[in-house]
Amino acid sequence: MTRIACLGHSGFMVEHRGLTLLFDPWIDGNPACPYQDQAGIAKADYIFVSHDHDDHGFAEGVAIARRLNARLAAINELARLAADQGVTGTLRGNLGGSIITEDLTVKFVRAYHSCAIGVPCGFIVDLGDLVLYHAGDTDFFSDMAFLYPKPIDVAFLPMGSCFTMGPQEAAWAVAKIQPRLVIPMHYNTFPPIKQDPRGFVELVGDLAEVRVLAPGERTEI
């Protein structure tokens, strides 16, 4: 059984076979986060940070990795900064590359966005019996059809528009990726990215199962 918890915005906690994974754990100053501070995160084995914008949790990821001795995966330059800030277990990669650990394989995939350090990225995390895709902040691109040789089980896709793709583009992404389950993210945190997820569900139709998670809500697969 796999448990997925929404941390608000683009943040998620995934618990699978004794491992706890955090994606873009923006907590401090996040109006949608169910945790008051980082102390609410009691366990983390791997932390994935897609880019350096404040609303994607690099600072929190570094602090949590130091406190819980977790590994932090990020694009090379950002991971080097995390190491400089005291994270001892960094996974440094770049677009198209993969890192294999004793627990999982992580592939760094492109994201069409902006950042100050390195380049933005998404992550394919292959846990053997489960493949996750966290897209980070991105626009739609047709090469989403070729992200990974194995089927994607769960795709976390932004749909807020303004700073990322919107509902229509996210639905096009679903058609390319063909995941088993889609969880929309990066919407309704601020007025510029206000969206009704029901519109996204309608656009996806029967292409994939969509589960809309409110901040703090959990689901199991």
Protein backbone atom coordinates (compact mmCIF):
# COMPACT_ATOMS: atom_id res chain seq x y z
CA MET A 1 0.00 0.00 0.00
CA THR A 2 1.15 3.50 -0.84
CA ARG A 3 -0.01 6.59 1.06
CA ILE A 4 0.09 10.04 -0.51
CA ALA A 5 -0.46 13.21 1.53
CA CYS A 6 -0.88 16.68 0.06
CA LEU A 7 1.28 19.31 1.77
CA GLY A 8 -0.29 22.15 -0.19
CA HIS A 9 0.77 23.84 -3.43
CA SER A 10 3.26 21.40 -5.04
CA GLY A 11 4.26 19.60 -1.86
CA PHE A 12 3.58 15.91 -1.28
CA MET A 13 4.59 13.18 1.12
CA VAL A 14 4.64 9.65 -0.29
CA GLU A 15 5.00 6.64 1.99
CA HIS A 16 5.84 3.38 0.24
CA ARG A 17 7.25 0.16 1.67
CA GLY A 18 8.82 1.86 4.68
CA LEU A 19 10.25 4.80 2.74
CA THR A 20 9.06 8.38 3.12
CA LEU A 21 9.56 10.71 0.16
CA LEU A 22 8.98 14.47 0.18
CA PHE A 23 8.46 16.50 -2.99
CA ASP A 24 8.87 20.30 -3.03
CA PRO A 25 8.22 20.63 0.73
CA TRP A 26 7.34 24.32 0.96
CA ILE A 27 6.14 24.78 4.55
CA ASP A 28 7.28 28.12 5.95
CA GLY A 29 4.94 30.84 4.73
CA ASN A 30 2.78 28.44 2.74
CA PRO A 31 -0.84 29.44 3.39
CA ALA A 32 -2.04 26.03 2.19
CA CYS A 33 0.33 23.82 4.18
CA PRO A 34 -1.29 21.74 6.95
CA TYR A 35 1.90 21.94 9.06
CA GLN A 36 2.68 25.04 11.11
CA ASP A 37 6.42 24.48 10.76
CA GLN A 38 8.99 21.92 9.68
CA ALA A 39 8.78 20.07 12.99
CA GLY A 40 5.58 18.51 11.67
CA ILE A 41 7.71 16.40 9.33
CA ALA A 42 8.85 13.55 11.57
CA LYS A 43 10.30 11.21 8.93
CA ALA A 44 11.89 11.62 5.53
CA ASP A 45 14.27 9.37 3.64
CA TYR A 46 14.42 11.27 0.34
CA ILE A 47 13.59 14.87 -0.49
CA PHE A 48 13.13 16.07 -4.07
CA VAL A 49 13.33 19.80 -4.85
CA SER A 50 12.48 20.78 -8.41
CA HIS A 51 14.00 24.27 -8.43
CA ASP A 52 15.01 27.18 -6.24
CA HIS A 53 11.84 29.31 -6.17
CA ASP A 54 10.73 29.94 -2.60
CA ASP A 55 7.39 28.21 -3.08
CA HIS A 56 9.05 24.84 -3.74
CA GLY A 57 10.80 24.34 -0.43
CA PHE A 58 14.55 24.30 -1.00
CA ALA A 59 15.24 25.98 2.37
CA GLU A 60 12.85 23.63 4.15
CA GLY A 61 14.27 20.65 2.28
CA VAL A 62 17.77 21.51 3.44
CA ALA A 63 16.65 21.94 7.05
CA ILE A 64 14.65 18.70 7.05
CA ALA A 65 17.47 16.76 5.39
CA ARG A 66 19.92 17.94 8.03
CA ARG A 67 17.53 17.20 10.92
CA LEU A 68 16.42 13.77 9.71
CA ASN A 69 19.58 12.73 7.83
CA ALA A 70 17.59 12.44 4.61
CA ARG A 71 18.99 12.49 1.10
CA LEU A 72 18.17 15.54 -1.00
CA ALA A 73 17.84 15.23 -4.77
CA ALA A 74 18.11 18.34 -6.94
CA ILE A 75 19.70 19.59 -10.13
CA ASN A 76 23.50 19.61 -9.82
CA GLU A 77 24.05 23.27 -8.90
CA LEU A 78 21.21 23.34 -6.38
CA ALA A 79 22.35 20.08 -4.79
CA ARG A 80 25.86 21.50 -4.47
CA LEU A 81 24.39 24.47 -2.60
CA ALA A 82 22.54 22.07 -0.31
CA ALA A 83 25.82 20.28 0.40
CA ASP A 84 27.47 23.62 1.17
CA GLN A 85 24.65 24.23 3.66
CA GLY A 86 25.30 20.98 5.52
CA VAL A 87 23.31 18.28 3.72
CA THR A 88 25.54 15.22 3.74
CA GLY A 89 23.46 13.02 1.45
CA THR A 90 22.84 14.84 -1.82
CA LEU A 91 21.81 13.26 -5.11
CA ARG A 92 23.24 15.54 -7.80
CA GLY A 93 21.94 15.00 -11.30
CA ASN A 94 21.10 16.75 -14.52
CA LEU A 95 18.49 16.53 -17.26
CA GLY A 96 18.25 13.08 -18.80
CA GLY A 97 20.44 11.49 -16.16
CA SER A 98 19.48 8.91 -13.54
CA ILE A 99 20.84 8.03 -10.12
CA ILE A 100 20.38 4.55 -8.69
CA THR A 101 20.40 4.01 -4.93
CA GLU A 102 19.65 0.92 -2.88
CA ASP A 103 16.02 2.06 -2.63
CA LEU A 104 15.09 3.66 -5.94
CA THR A 105 16.06 5.15 -9.26
CA VAL A 106 15.55 8.86 -9.80
CA LYS A 107 15.65 10.36 -13.28
CA PHE A 108 15.95 14.10 -13.78
CA VAL A 109 13.60 15.28 -16.53
CA ARG A 110 13.14 18.68 -18.09
CA ALA A 111 10.67 21.32 -16.94
CA TYR A 112 9.95 24.47 -18.96
CA HIS A 113 10.13 27.20 -16.32
CA SER A 114 12.67 29.60 -14.80
CA CYS A 115 15.01 29.65 -11.83
CA ALA A 116 18.16 31.37 -10.58
CA ILE A 117 20.36 28.35 -9.87
CA GLY A 118 20.89 25.59 -12.41
CA VAL A 119 17.76 24.70 -14.39
CA PRO A 120 14.25 23.63 -13.33
CA CYS A 121 13.51 19.93 -13.44
CA GLY A 122 10.93 17.27 -12.75
CA PHE A 123 11.56 13.84 -11.27
CA ILE A 124 10.73 10.30 -12.27
CA VAL A 125 11.10 8.15 -9.14
CA ASP A 126 11.10 4.42 -9.80
CA LEU A 127 10.53 2.35 -6.68
CA GLY A 128 10.44 -0.94 -8.55
CA ASP A 129 6.75 -1.65 -8.18
CA LEU A 130 5.69 2.00 -8.37
CA VAL A 131 6.75 4.82 -10.72
CA LEU A 132 6.07 8.43 -9.73
CA TYR A 133 6.38 11.56 -11.86
CA HIS A 134 6.53 14.93 -10.12
CA ALA A 135 6.60 17.50 -12.90
CA GLY A 136 7.73 20.49 -10.82
CA ASP A 137 6.75 23.77 -12.46
CA THR A 138 6.43 23.32 -16.20
CA ASP A 139 4.60 24.10 -19.40
CA PHE A 140 3.28 21.29 -21.57
CA PHE A 141 5.76 19.73 -24.00
CA SER A 142 5.15 16.90 -26.43
CA ASP A 143 8.20 14.93 -25.28
CA MET A 144 6.22 14.06 -22.15
CA ALA A 145 5.28 10.98 -24.18
CA PHE A 146 8.87 9.77 -23.81
CA LEU A 147 9.74 10.52 -20.20
CA TYR A 148 10.43 6.95 -19.08
CA PRO A 149 10.44 3.45 -20.56
CA LYS A 150 8.12 2.07 -17.88
CA PRO A 151 4.49 3.18 -17.39
CA ILE A 152 3.90 6.05 -14.95
CA ASP A 153 1.69 5.04 -12.04
CA VAL A 154 1.18 8.46 -10.43
CA ALA A 155 1.72 11.85 -12.08
CA PHE A 156 1.71 15.09 -10.07
CA LEU A 157 0.96 17.85 -12.59
CA PRO A 158 0.68 21.63 -12.14
CA MET A 159 -2.49 23.22 -13.51
CA GLY A 160 -2.68 26.73 -12.06
CA SER A 161 -1.71 28.59 -15.25
CA CYS A 162 0.05 31.99 -15.03
CA PHE A 163 3.36 30.42 -13.87
CA THR A 164 2.85 26.88 -15.21
CA MET A 165 0.57 25.08 -17.62
CA GLY A 166 -3.15 25.43 -17.00
CA PRO A 167 -5.91 22.82 -16.94
CA GLN A 168 -6.09 22.35 -20.72
CA GLU A 169 -2.34 21.93 -21.09
CA ALA A 170 -2.25 19.61 -18.07
CA ALA A 171 -4.93 17.48 -19.71
CA TRP A 172 -2.80 17.34 -22.89
CA ALA A 173 0.07 16.20 -20.64
CA VAL A 174 -2.09 13.37 -19.30
CA ALA A 175 -2.78 12.26 -22.87
CA LYS A 176 0.96 12.11 -23.56
CA ILE A 177 2.08 10.54 -20.27
CA GLN A 178 -0.82 8.11 -19.91
CA PRO A 179 -0.45 7.64 -16.14
CA ARG A 180 -2.69 5.39 -14.10
CA LEU A 181 -3.45 8.17 -11.59
CA VAL A 182 -3.13 11.97 -11.79
CA ILE A 183 -3.00 14.38 -8.85
CA PRO A 184 -3.21 18.07 -9.84
CA MET A 185 -1.06 20.62 -7.99
CA HIS A 186 0.17 24.22 -8.00
CA TYR A 187 -3.24 25.91 -8.05
CA ASN A 188 -5.45 27.99 -5.69
CA THR A 189 -2.57 28.91 -3.36
CA PHE A 190 -2.66 32.52 -4.61
CA PRO A 191 -5.21 34.50 -6.64
CA PRO A 192 -3.19 34.41 -9.91
CA ILE A 193 -3.34 30.59 -9.98
CA LYS A 194 -6.96 30.15 -8.93
CA GLN A 195 -8.56 27.23 -10.77
CA ASP A 196 -11.52 24.92 -10.35
CA PRO A 197 -10.10 21.38 -10.45
CA ARG A 198 -13.43 20.05 -11.63
CA GLY A 199 -12.66 21.59 -15.01
CA PHE A 200 -9.42 19.63 -15.16
CA VAL A 201 -11.23 16.41 -14.24
CA GLU A 202 -13.68 16.98 -17.09
CA LEU A 203 -10.89 17.67 -19.58
CA VAL A 204 -9.03 14.50 -18.59
CA GLY A 205 -12.19 12.43 -18.98
CA ASP A 206 -11.44 8.73 -19.10
CA LEU A 207 -7.75 9.14 -19.97
CA ALA A 208 -6.75 8.52 -16.34
CA GLU A 209 -8.11 8.51 -12.83
CA VAL A 210 -7.87 11.95 -11.23
CA ARG A 211 -7.78 12.44 -7.48
CA VAL A 212 -8.05 16.01 -6.24
CA LEU A 213 -6.39 16.32 -2.83
CA ALA A 214 -7.00 19.26 -0.53
CA PRO A 215 -4.05 20.36 1.62
CA GLY A 216 -3.71 17.87 4.46
CA GLU A 217 -5.79 15.25 2.67
CA ARG A 218 -4.41 11.74 2.12
CA THR A 219 -5.14 8.98 -0.33
CA GLU A 220 -4.04 5.36 -0.71
CA ILE A 221 -3.25 3.33 -3.78
